[in-house]
Amino acid sequence: MGKMHESMYFSYIFYPVRYIHNIPLLSPEFYMAHGMKATNCFWEYLKKKACIMRKKILFVIVVGLFWSSGVLAGNFPVYQWAPESQTSMHGIHFISGGIGITERQVLDQMAGKYSLKVVLAAKDGHYLSRCYMEIIRADGTKILSTSTDGPWLLADLEPGRYQVKAQYDNTWKNQSVTVSADSLHEVIFNW
């Protein structure tokens, strides 16, 4: 075989189909030079098919990447709030949070383990966070003092009478509450 024309060499490298029915596929220029227009049409047909095939492969790859990331499968990354129960110096177990519906749903499910629920809100109904809270027993002992991580605070108190104080924007509010053993008592503060 003699020297190969440069465009023939190019076509052999970039087009994977080399033979069809034992006829070598050369560059379009070769076929046009020899007056083979039908074969030239066939060559153009193959190029279009290769382009369509590349697009289909790219589509499959993109869909596969989205599917593996969970976007198309409906498994969107979901924020999972894991509440951390804290303990005061006097042994009172409490938890605060409730920023967003997900956190409030989690706290609602946990509320049965606690005896007091404190809700912090503005007068317009918006929830407040980062309020300073104190719970004081009837004998005057401060058993809990914390800054809230959300608009709700759940505390596990022994049965008895308590003063619940909350501060927001340098304004203190307080309420008295009597806690019994088998129920959840709710205190709402509005500023």
N, C-alpha and C. Protein backbone atom coordinates (compact mmCIF):
# COMPACT_ATOMS: atom_id res chain seq x y z
N MET A 1 0.85 -1.17 0.00
CA MET A 1 0.00 0.00 0.00
C MET A 1 0.89 1.23 0.00
N GLY A 2 0.59 2.20 -0.80
CA GLY A 2 1.41 3.39 -0.91
C GLY A 2 1.11 4.38 0.20
N LYS A 3 1.55 5.62 -0.05
CA LYS A 3 1.31 6.66 0.94
C LYS A 3 -0.19 6.93 1.06
N MET A 4 -0.59 7.15 2.27
CA MET A 4 -2.00 7.43 2.51
C MET A 4 -2.22 8.93 2.46
N HIS A 5 -3.27 9.33 1.83
CA HIS A 5 -3.62 10.74 1.78
C HIS A 5 -3.91 11.22 3.20
N GLU A 6 -3.52 12.45 3.56
CA GLU A 6 -3.66 12.96 4.93
C GLU A 6 -5.10 12.90 5.42
N SER A 7 -6.07 13.26 4.58
CA SER A 7 -7.46 13.24 5.02
C SER A 7 -7.95 11.81 5.22
N MET A 8 -7.39 10.86 4.45
CA MET A 8 -7.75 9.46 4.65
C MET A 8 -7.27 9.00 6.01
N TYR A 9 -6.06 9.37 6.37
CA TYR A 9 -5.50 9.00 7.66
C TYR A 9 -6.36 9.60 8.79
N PHE A 10 -6.76 10.85 8.63
CA PHE A 10 -7.60 11.52 9.61
C PHE A 10 -8.90 10.76 9.82
N SER A 11 -9.51 10.32 8.72
CA SER A 11 -10.79 9.63 8.85
C SER A 11 -10.62 8.28 9.54
N TYR A 12 -9.51 7.61 9.33
CA TYR A 12 -9.28 6.33 9.99
C TYR A 12 -9.10 6.50 11.49
N ILE A 13 -8.54 7.62 11.91
CA ILE A 13 -8.32 7.82 13.34
C ILE A 13 -9.60 8.19 14.06
N PHE A 14 -10.38 9.10 13.50
CA PHE A 14 -11.50 9.66 14.24
C PHE A 14 -12.85 9.00 13.98
N TYR A 15 -12.94 8.11 13.07
CA TYR A 15 -14.21 7.42 12.84
C TYR A 15 -14.00 5.94 13.09
N PRO A 16 -14.71 5.38 14.08
CA PRO A 16 -14.43 4.01 14.50
C PRO A 16 -14.81 2.95 13.47
N VAL A 17 -15.76 3.22 12.56
CA VAL A 17 -16.16 2.22 11.58
C VAL A 17 -15.17 2.25 10.42
N ARG A 18 -14.47 1.13 10.16
CA ARG A 18 -13.46 1.11 9.12
C ARG A 18 -13.98 0.45 7.83
N TYR A 19 -14.82 -0.56 7.98
CA TYR A 19 -15.31 -1.30 6.82
C TYR A 19 -16.81 -1.55 6.97
N ILE A 20 -17.49 -1.44 5.85
CA ILE A 20 -18.90 -1.82 5.82
C ILE A 20 -19.06 -2.71 4.60
N HIS A 21 -19.50 -3.93 4.81
CA HIS A 21 -19.65 -4.91 3.72
C HIS A 21 -18.35 -5.02 2.92
N ASN A 22 -17.22 -5.11 3.64
CA ASN A 22 -15.89 -5.26 3.04
C ASN A 22 -15.48 -4.11 2.13
N ILE A 23 -16.10 -2.94 2.24
CA ILE A 23 -15.70 -1.77 1.47
C ILE A 23 -15.04 -0.80 2.45
N PRO A 24 -13.78 -0.45 2.23
CA PRO A 24 -13.13 0.46 3.16
C PRO A 24 -13.75 1.85 3.08
N LEU A 25 -13.93 2.45 4.26
CA LEU A 25 -14.48 3.80 4.31
C LEU A 25 -13.33 4.78 4.36
N LEU A 26 -13.20 5.57 3.34
CA LEU A 26 -12.15 6.56 3.28
C LEU A 26 -12.76 7.93 3.51
N SER A 27 -11.98 8.96 3.35
CA SER A 27 -12.48 10.31 3.57
C SER A 27 -13.49 10.70 2.50
N PRO A 28 -14.36 11.67 2.79
CA PRO A 28 -15.33 12.12 1.78
C PRO A 28 -14.64 12.67 0.54
N GLU A 29 -13.47 13.29 0.69
CA GLU A 29 -12.75 13.84 -0.46
C GLU A 29 -12.35 12.73 -1.44
N PHE A 30 -11.96 11.59 -0.93
CA PHE A 30 -11.56 10.47 -1.78
C PHE A 30 -12.73 10.01 -2.65
N TYR A 31 -13.89 9.86 -2.01
CA TYR A 31 -15.06 9.41 -2.76
C TYR A 31 -15.50 10.45 -3.79
N MET A 32 -15.45 11.73 -3.40
CA MET A 32 -15.86 12.78 -4.33
C MET A 32 -14.91 12.84 -5.53
N ALA A 33 -13.61 12.62 -5.28
CA ALA A 33 -12.62 12.66 -6.37
C ALA A 33 -12.88 11.54 -7.39
N HIS A 34 -13.45 10.46 -6.94
CA HIS A 34 -13.72 9.34 -7.83
C HIS A 34 -15.18 9.29 -8.28
N GLY A 35 -15.93 10.36 -8.03
CA GLY A 35 -17.30 10.46 -8.51
C GLY A 35 -18.28 9.52 -7.84
N MET A 36 -18.01 9.13 -6.62
CA MET A 36 -18.89 8.21 -5.91
C MET A 36 -19.78 8.99 -4.96
N LYS A 37 -20.77 9.66 -5.46
CA LYS A 37 -21.63 10.50 -4.63
C LYS A 37 -22.52 9.67 -3.70
N ALA A 38 -22.96 8.51 -4.12
CA ALA A 38 -23.80 7.68 -3.28
C ALA A 38 -23.05 7.26 -2.03
N THR A 39 -21.79 6.90 -2.22
CA THR A 39 -20.99 6.51 -1.07
C THR A 39 -20.71 7.72 -0.20
N ASN A 40 -20.54 8.89 -0.85
CA ASN A 40 -20.33 10.11 -0.09
C ASN A 40 -21.55 10.38 0.79
N CYS A 41 -22.74 10.16 0.26
CA CYS A 41 -23.96 10.32 1.06
C CYS A 41 -23.95 9.35 2.23
N PHE A 42 -23.47 8.13 1.93
CA PHE A 42 -23.39 7.14 2.99
C PHE A 42 -22.42 7.59 4.09
N TRP A 43 -21.31 8.20 3.67
CA TRP A 43 -20.33 8.72 4.63
C TRP A 43 -20.96 9.80 5.51
N GLU A 44 -21.70 10.73 4.89
CA GLU A 44 -22.36 11.79 5.65
C GLU A 44 -23.39 11.19 6.62
N TYR A 45 -24.08 10.16 6.16
CA TYR A 45 -25.05 9.46 7.01
C TYR A 45 -24.36 8.89 8.25
N LEU A 46 -23.19 8.28 8.03
CA LEU A 46 -22.45 7.71 9.16
C LEU A 46 -21.99 8.80 10.14
N LYS A 47 -21.56 9.94 9.61
CA LYS A 47 -21.14 11.03 10.49
C LYS A 47 -22.30 11.53 11.33
N LYS A 48 -23.49 11.66 10.70
CA LYS A 48 -24.67 12.10 11.46
C LYS A 48 -25.04 11.08 12.54
N LYS A 49 -24.97 9.79 12.18
CA LYS A 49 -25.28 8.75 13.15
C LYS A 49 -24.29 8.78 14.32
N ALA A 50 -23.02 9.01 14.01
CA ALA A 50 -22.00 9.09 15.06
C ALA A 50 -22.27 10.27 15.98
N CYS A 51 -22.70 11.39 15.42
CA CYS A 51 -23.02 12.58 16.22
C CYS A 51 -24.22 12.30 17.14
N ILE A 52 -25.24 11.66 16.57
CA ILE A 52 -26.43 11.32 17.38
C ILE A 52 -26.03 10.34 18.48
N MET A 53 -25.19 9.38 18.14
CA MET A 53 -24.76 8.39 19.13
C MET A 53 -23.98 9.05 20.26
N ARG A 54 -23.10 10.00 19.91
CA ARG A 54 -22.36 10.72 20.95
C ARG A 54 -23.31 11.47 21.87
N LYS A 55 -24.34 12.09 21.30
CA LYS A 55 -25.32 12.82 22.12
C LYS A 55 -26.08 11.87 23.04
N LYS A 56 -26.45 10.70 22.53
CA LYS A 56 -27.15 9.73 23.37
C LYS A 56 -26.27 9.25 24.51
N ILE A 57 -25.02 8.99 24.20
CA ILE A 57 -24.09 8.54 25.24
C ILE A 57 -23.90 9.62 26.29
N LEU A 58 -23.75 10.86 25.86
CA LEU A 58 -23.61 11.97 26.80
C LEU A 58 -24.86 12.10 27.67
N PHE A 59 -26.03 11.94 27.07
CA PHE A 59 -27.29 12.01 27.81
C PHE A 59 -27.34 10.93 28.88
N VAL A 60 -26.97 9.70 28.50
CA VAL A 60 -26.98 8.58 29.45
C VAL A 60 -26.00 8.85 30.60
N ILE A 61 -24.84 9.40 30.29
CA ILE A 61 -23.86 9.71 31.34
C ILE A 61 -24.40 10.77 32.28
N VAL A 62 -24.99 11.83 31.75
CA VAL A 62 -25.52 12.90 32.60
C VAL A 62 -26.65 12.38 33.47
N VAL A 63 -27.58 11.61 32.89
CA VAL A 63 -28.68 11.05 33.68
C VAL A 63 -28.13 10.11 34.75
N GLY A 64 -27.13 9.32 34.40
CA GLY A 64 -26.52 8.42 35.38
C GLY A 64 -25.89 9.17 36.54
N LEU A 65 -25.24 10.28 36.24
CA LEU A 65 -24.63 11.08 37.32
C LEU A 65 -25.70 11.66 38.22
N PHE A 66 -26.77 12.20 37.63
CA PHE A 66 -27.85 12.74 38.46
C PHE A 66 -28.50 11.65 39.29
N TRP A 67 -28.72 10.49 38.67
CA TRP A 67 -29.37 9.40 39.39
C TRP A 67 -28.50 8.94 40.55
N SER A 68 -27.19 8.80 40.31
CA SER A 68 -26.31 8.35 41.38
C SER A 68 -26.21 9.37 42.50
N SER A 69 -26.40 10.64 42.19
CA SER A 69 -26.37 11.65 43.25
C SER A 69 -27.68 11.70 44.01
N GLY A 70 -28.71 11.01 43.52
CA GLY A 70 -29.98 10.95 44.23
C GLY A 70 -30.97 12.00 43.79
N VAL A 71 -30.61 12.88 42.89
CA VAL A 71 -31.51 13.96 42.49
C VAL A 71 -32.73 13.41 41.78
N LEU A 72 -32.53 12.53 40.78
CA LEU A 72 -33.67 12.00 40.04
C LEU A 72 -34.39 10.90 40.79
N ALA A 73 -33.71 10.24 41.71
CA ALA A 73 -34.34 9.17 42.48
C ALA A 73 -35.24 9.72 43.57
N GLY A 74 -35.24 11.03 43.77
CA GLY A 74 -36.07 11.63 44.80
C GLY A 74 -35.42 11.62 46.17
N ASN A 75 -34.16 11.22 46.23
CA ASN A 75 -33.44 11.17 47.51
C ASN A 75 -32.63 12.43 47.68
N PHE A 76 -33.31 13.54 47.79
CA PHE A 76 -32.60 14.79 47.96
C PHE A 76 -31.90 14.78 49.30
N PRO A 77 -30.74 15.41 49.35
CA PRO A 77 -30.09 15.49 50.64
C PRO A 77 -31.00 16.22 51.63
N VAL A 78 -31.30 15.58 52.73
CA VAL A 78 -32.23 16.13 53.69
C VAL A 78 -31.46 16.51 54.95
N TYR A 79 -31.77 17.68 55.45
CA TYR A 79 -31.15 18.15 56.69
C TYR A 79 -31.72 17.32 57.84
N GLN A 80 -30.87 16.60 58.51
CA GLN A 80 -31.29 15.79 59.64
C GLN A 80 -30.80 16.45 60.92
N TRP A 81 -31.74 17.02 61.67
CA TRP A 81 -31.38 17.66 62.91
C TRP A 81 -31.37 16.61 64.00
N ALA A 82 -30.26 16.49 64.68
CA ALA A 82 -30.14 15.54 65.78
C ALA A 82 -30.09 16.32 67.08
N PRO A 83 -31.18 16.32 67.83
CA PRO A 83 -31.21 17.10 69.06
C PRO A 83 -30.25 16.55 70.11
N GLU A 84 -29.62 17.47 70.81
CA GLU A 84 -28.71 17.08 71.88
C GLU A 84 -29.33 17.46 73.21
N SER A 85 -29.60 16.46 74.01
CA SER A 85 -30.12 16.72 75.34
C SER A 85 -28.97 17.24 76.20
N GLN A 86 -29.27 18.30 76.96
CA GLN A 86 -28.25 18.88 77.83
C GLN A 86 -28.70 18.71 79.28
N THR A 87 -27.77 18.85 80.17
CA THR A 87 -28.08 18.73 81.60
C THR A 87 -27.53 19.96 82.32
N SER A 88 -28.39 20.57 83.13
CA SER A 88 -27.96 21.75 83.89
C SER A 88 -27.12 21.31 85.09
N MET A 89 -26.55 22.29 85.80
CA MET A 89 -25.74 21.99 86.98
C MET A 89 -26.54 21.30 88.08
N HIS A 90 -27.86 21.48 88.04
CA HIS A 90 -28.72 20.87 89.06
C HIS A 90 -29.37 19.58 88.56
N GLY A 91 -28.88 19.03 87.44
CA GLY A 91 -29.35 17.74 86.96
C GLY A 91 -30.65 17.79 86.15
N ILE A 92 -31.04 18.97 85.68
CA ILE A 92 -32.25 19.10 84.88
C ILE A 92 -31.90 18.82 83.41
N HIS A 93 -32.59 17.82 82.83
CA HIS A 93 -32.40 17.51 81.42
C HIS A 93 -33.29 18.43 80.59
N PHE A 94 -32.68 19.04 79.56
CA PHE A 94 -33.46 19.94 78.70
C PHE A 94 -32.90 19.90 77.29
N ILE A 95 -33.70 20.40 76.38
CA ILE A 95 -33.31 20.49 74.98
C ILE A 95 -33.98 21.70 74.39
N SER A 96 -33.26 22.40 73.50
CA SER A 96 -33.88 23.55 72.83
C SER A 96 -33.60 23.48 71.35
N GLY A 97 -34.49 24.06 70.58
CA GLY A 97 -34.38 24.04 69.12
C GLY A 97 -35.71 24.46 68.53
N GLY A 98 -36.02 23.93 67.38
CA GLY A 98 -37.30 24.23 66.74
C GLY A 98 -37.20 25.23 65.61
N ILE A 99 -35.99 25.43 65.08
CA ILE A 99 -35.85 26.32 63.93
C ILE A 99 -36.25 25.52 62.70
N GLY A 100 -37.35 25.85 62.11
CA GLY A 100 -37.87 25.12 60.95
C GLY A 100 -38.81 24.01 61.35
N ILE A 101 -39.63 23.62 60.40
CA ILE A 101 -40.67 22.62 60.66
C ILE A 101 -40.08 21.26 61.02
N THR A 102 -38.94 20.90 60.43
CA THR A 102 -38.33 19.60 60.71
C THR A 102 -37.93 19.49 62.17
N GLU A 103 -37.28 20.51 62.68
CA GLU A 103 -36.85 20.48 64.08
C GLU A 103 -38.07 20.45 65.01
N ARG A 104 -39.10 21.21 64.69
CA ARG A 104 -40.29 21.22 65.54
C ARG A 104 -40.99 19.87 65.54
N GLN A 105 -40.99 19.18 64.40
CA GLN A 105 -41.59 17.85 64.35
C GLN A 105 -40.80 16.87 65.22
N VAL A 106 -39.49 16.96 65.18
CA VAL A 106 -38.65 16.09 66.02
C VAL A 106 -38.91 16.38 67.49
N LEU A 107 -38.98 17.67 67.84
CA LEU A 107 -39.23 18.02 69.24
C LEU A 107 -40.63 17.60 69.68
N ASP A 108 -41.61 17.70 68.80
CA ASP A 108 -42.97 17.23 69.12
C ASP A 108 -42.96 15.74 69.46
N GLN A 109 -42.20 14.96 68.72
CA GLN A 109 -42.11 13.53 68.99
C GLN A 109 -41.43 13.24 70.32
N MET A 110 -40.51 14.10 70.71
CA MET A 110 -39.77 13.90 71.96
C MET A 110 -40.48 14.49 73.17
N ALA A 111 -41.50 15.30 72.97
CA ALA A 111 -42.13 16.05 74.06
C ALA A 111 -42.67 15.17 75.17
N GLY A 112 -43.03 13.94 74.88
CA GLY A 112 -43.57 13.05 75.92
C GLY A 112 -42.59 12.72 77.02
N LYS A 113 -41.31 12.91 76.78
CA LYS A 113 -40.28 12.61 77.78
C LYS A 113 -40.03 13.79 78.73
N TYR A 114 -40.67 14.92 78.47
CA TYR A 114 -40.41 16.13 79.24
C TYR A 114 -41.70 16.61 79.90
N SER A 115 -41.56 17.45 80.92
CA SER A 115 -42.74 17.93 81.65
C SER A 115 -43.05 19.40 81.38
N LEU A 116 -42.11 20.15 80.76
CA LEU A 116 -42.33 21.57 80.48
C LEU A 116 -41.89 21.90 79.06
N LYS A 117 -42.76 22.66 78.38
CA LYS A 117 -42.44 23.16 77.03
C LYS A 117 -42.57 24.67 77.07
N VAL A 118 -41.50 25.36 76.68
CA VAL A 118 -41.51 26.82 76.62
C VAL A 118 -41.44 27.23 75.15
N VAL A 119 -42.34 28.12 74.73
CA VAL A 119 -42.39 28.62 73.36
C VAL A 119 -42.08 30.11 73.40
N LEU A 120 -41.15 30.55 72.55
CA LEU A 120 -40.72 31.95 72.51
C LEU A 120 -41.10 32.54 71.16
N ALA A 121 -41.91 33.61 71.19
CA ALA A 121 -42.39 34.20 69.93
C ALA A 121 -42.54 35.70 70.05
N ALA A 122 -42.51 36.36 68.89
CA ALA A 122 -42.79 37.79 68.84
C ALA A 122 -44.30 37.97 68.78
N LYS A 123 -44.78 39.18 69.06
CA LYS A 123 -46.23 39.44 69.04
C LYS A 123 -46.83 39.21 67.65
N ASP A 124 -46.03 39.36 66.60
CA ASP A 124 -46.55 39.13 65.25
C ASP A 124 -46.60 37.65 64.88
N GLY A 125 -46.19 36.77 65.80
CA GLY A 125 -46.28 35.33 65.57
C GLY A 125 -44.99 34.66 65.15
N HIS A 126 -43.97 35.43 64.79
CA HIS A 126 -42.69 34.83 64.39
C HIS A 126 -41.99 34.26 65.61
N TYR A 127 -41.39 33.09 65.44
CA TYR A 127 -40.65 32.48 66.52
C TYR A 127 -39.34 33.23 66.77
N LEU A 128 -38.87 33.16 68.03
CA LEU A 128 -37.63 33.82 68.42
C LEU A 128 -36.61 32.78 68.88
N SER A 129 -35.36 33.09 68.68
CA SER A 129 -34.28 32.22 69.10
C SER A 129 -33.25 33.04 69.86
N ARG A 130 -32.33 32.36 70.49
CA ARG A 130 -31.26 33.00 71.26
C ARG A 130 -31.82 33.89 72.39
N CYS A 131 -32.82 33.37 73.05
CA CYS A 131 -33.36 34.05 74.22
C CYS A 131 -32.69 33.45 75.46
N TYR A 132 -32.47 34.27 76.45
CA TYR A 132 -31.89 33.79 77.70
C TYR A 132 -33.02 33.30 78.59
N MET A 133 -32.88 32.11 79.14
CA MET A 133 -33.94 31.50 79.96
C MET A 133 -33.43 31.11 81.33
N GLU A 134 -34.31 31.25 82.31
CA GLU A 134 -34.02 30.76 83.67
C GLU A 134 -35.26 30.06 84.19
N ILE A 135 -35.03 28.96 84.90
CA ILE A 135 -36.12 28.28 85.62
C ILE A 135 -35.71 28.23 87.08
N ILE A 136 -36.62 28.72 87.94
CA ILE A 136 -36.32 28.86 89.37
C ILE A 136 -37.37 28.08 90.16
N ARG A 137 -36.90 27.24 91.10
CA ARG A 137 -37.81 26.48 91.96
C ARG A 137 -38.50 27.41 92.95
N ALA A 138 -39.54 26.91 93.58
CA ALA A 138 -40.31 27.70 94.55
C ALA A 138 -39.44 28.16 95.73
N ASP A 139 -38.39 27.42 96.06
CA ASP A 139 -37.52 27.81 97.17
C ASP A 139 -36.48 28.86 96.75
N GLY A 140 -36.50 29.29 95.48
CA GLY A 140 -35.59 30.34 95.01
C GLY A 140 -34.33 29.83 94.35
N THR A 141 -34.15 28.52 94.23
CA THR A 141 -32.96 27.95 93.61
C THR A 141 -33.09 28.00 92.09
N LYS A 142 -32.10 28.61 91.46
CA LYS A 142 -32.07 28.65 90.00
C LYS A 142 -31.55 27.30 89.51
N ILE A 143 -32.44 26.50 88.90
CA ILE A 143 -32.06 25.14 88.50
C ILE A 143 -31.66 25.04 87.01
N LEU A 144 -32.01 26.06 86.23
CA LEU A 144 -31.64 26.05 84.82
C LEU A 144 -31.43 27.47 84.34
N SER A 145 -30.34 27.68 83.66
CA SER A 145 -30.09 28.98 83.01
C SER A 145 -29.33 28.69 81.73
N THR A 146 -29.94 29.13 80.59
CA THR A 146 -29.37 28.81 79.28
C THR A 146 -29.81 29.83 78.24
N SER A 147 -29.12 29.82 77.13
CA SER A 147 -29.52 30.58 75.95
C SER A 147 -30.10 29.57 74.97
N THR A 148 -31.28 29.83 74.45
CA THR A 148 -31.96 28.83 73.62
C THR A 148 -31.36 28.75 72.21
N ASP A 149 -31.44 27.55 71.64
CA ASP A 149 -30.98 27.31 70.27
C ASP A 149 -32.13 27.40 69.27
N GLY A 150 -33.28 27.77 69.73
CA GLY A 150 -34.46 27.88 68.86
C GLY A 150 -35.62 28.41 69.68
N PRO A 151 -36.80 28.41 69.12
CA PRO A 151 -37.96 28.98 69.81
C PRO A 151 -38.60 28.05 70.84
N TRP A 152 -38.20 26.80 70.87
CA TRP A 152 -38.78 25.87 71.84
C TRP A 152 -37.72 25.37 72.80
N LEU A 153 -38.14 25.19 74.04
CA LEU A 153 -37.30 24.57 75.06
C LEU A 153 -38.14 23.53 75.77
N LEU A 154 -37.63 22.32 75.85
CA LEU A 154 -38.27 21.25 76.61
C LEU A 154 -37.40 20.95 77.82
N ALA A 155 -38.02 20.86 78.99
CA ALA A 155 -37.27 20.58 80.22
C ALA A 155 -37.98 19.49 81.01
N ASP A 156 -37.19 18.62 81.62
CA ASP A 156 -37.73 17.54 82.44
C ASP A 156 -37.62 17.95 83.90
N LEU A 157 -38.72 18.48 84.42
CA LEU A 157 -38.75 18.98 85.79
C LEU A 157 -39.51 18.02 86.70
N GLU A 158 -39.12 18.01 87.97
CA GLU A 158 -39.87 17.24 88.96
C GLU A 158 -41.18 17.97 89.25
N PRO A 159 -42.20 17.26 89.71
CA PRO A 159 -43.45 17.94 90.05
C PRO A 159 -43.21 19.05 91.09
N GLY A 160 -43.87 20.19 90.87
CA GLY A 160 -43.71 21.32 91.78
C GLY A 160 -44.03 22.63 91.10
N ARG A 161 -43.79 23.70 91.86
CA ARG A 161 -44.07 25.04 91.35
C ARG A 161 -42.76 25.72 90.95
N TYR A 162 -42.79 26.42 89.77
CA TYR A 162 -41.58 27.04 89.23
C TYR A 162 -41.89 28.42 88.66
N GLN A 163 -40.86 29.27 88.67
CA GLN A 163 -40.89 30.54 87.95
C GLN A 163 -40.06 30.34 86.68
N VAL A 164 -40.65 30.66 85.53
CA VAL A 164 -39.93 30.56 84.27
C VAL A 164 -39.71 31.98 83.77
N LYS A 165 -38.45 32.34 83.56
CA LYS A 165 -38.10 33.69 83.10
C LYS A 165 -37.43 33.59 81.73
N ALA A 166 -37.73 34.57 80.89
CA ALA A 166 -37.12 34.62 79.56
C ALA A 166 -36.79 36.06 79.22
N GLN A 167 -35.63 36.26 78.57
CA GLN A 167 -35.20 37.60 78.18
C GLN A 167 -34.97 37.63 76.67
N TYR A 168 -35.56 38.66 76.03
CA TYR A 168 -35.32 38.91 74.62
C TYR A 168 -35.24 40.42 74.42
N ASP A 169 -34.23 40.86 73.73
CA ASP A 169 -34.06 42.28 73.42
C ASP A 169 -34.09 43.13 74.70
N ASN A 170 -33.36 42.66 75.74
CA ASN A 170 -33.25 43.33 77.04
C ASN A 170 -34.58 43.49 77.77
N THR A 171 -35.57 42.69 77.41
CA THR A 171 -36.86 42.73 78.10
C THR A 171 -37.11 41.36 78.73
N TRP A 172 -37.31 41.37 80.06
CA TRP A 172 -37.57 40.13 80.80
C TRP A 172 -39.07 39.91 80.91
N LYS A 173 -39.47 38.65 80.79
CA LYS A 173 -40.85 38.22 81.05
C LYS A 173 -40.75 37.04 81.99
N ASN A 174 -41.76 36.87 82.85
CA ASN A 174 -41.76 35.68 83.69
C ASN A 174 -43.19 35.17 83.91
N GLN A 175 -43.27 33.87 84.12
CA GLN A 175 -44.56 33.22 84.38
C GLN A 175 -44.35 32.14 85.42
N SER A 176 -45.40 31.91 86.20
CA SER A 176 -45.39 30.81 87.17
C SER A 176 -46.05 29.60 86.53
N VAL A 177 -45.56 28.43 86.86
CA VAL A 177 -46.13 27.20 86.34
C VAL A 177 -46.04 26.11 87.40
N THR A 178 -47.09 25.31 87.48
CA THR A 178 -47.09 24.15 88.37
C THR A 178 -46.99 22.91 87.49
N VAL A 179 -45.95 22.15 87.72
CA VAL A 179 -45.68 20.96 86.90
C VAL A 179 -46.14 19.73 87.66
N SER A 180 -46.92 18.87 86.96
CA SER A 180 -47.31 17.59 87.54
C SER A 180 -46.54 16.47 86.85
N ALA A 181 -46.67 15.26 87.38
CA ALA A 181 -45.82 14.17 86.93
C ALA A 181 -46.15 13.64 85.54
N ASP A 182 -47.42 13.59 85.17
CA ASP A 182 -47.79 12.84 83.96
C ASP A 182 -48.21 13.68 82.77
N SER A 183 -47.95 14.97 82.78
CA SER A 183 -48.39 15.77 81.63
C SER A 183 -47.35 16.81 81.25
N LEU A 184 -47.48 17.29 80.02
CA LEU A 184 -46.59 18.31 79.51
C LEU A 184 -47.28 19.66 79.69
N HIS A 185 -46.61 20.59 80.36
CA HIS A 185 -47.14 21.93 80.59
C HIS A 185 -46.45 22.89 79.65
N GLU A 186 -47.25 23.77 79.02
CA GLU A 186 -46.71 24.67 78.03
C GLU A 186 -46.77 26.12 78.53
N VAL A 187 -45.66 26.82 78.37
CA VAL A 187 -45.56 28.23 78.71
C VAL A 187 -45.19 28.97 77.44
N ILE A 188 -45.94 30.03 77.11
CA ILE A 188 -45.68 30.80 75.89
C ILE A 188 -45.29 32.22 76.28
N PHE A 189 -44.17 32.67 75.75
CA PHE A 189 -43.73 34.05 75.94
C PHE A 189 -43.85 34.80 74.62
N ASN A 190 -44.44 36.01 74.68
CA ASN A 190 -44.57 36.87 73.50
C ASN A 190 -43.93 38.22 73.79
N TRP A 191 -43.11 38.71 72.86
CA TRP A 191 -42.53 40.03 72.99
C TRP A 191 -43.06 40.93 71.90
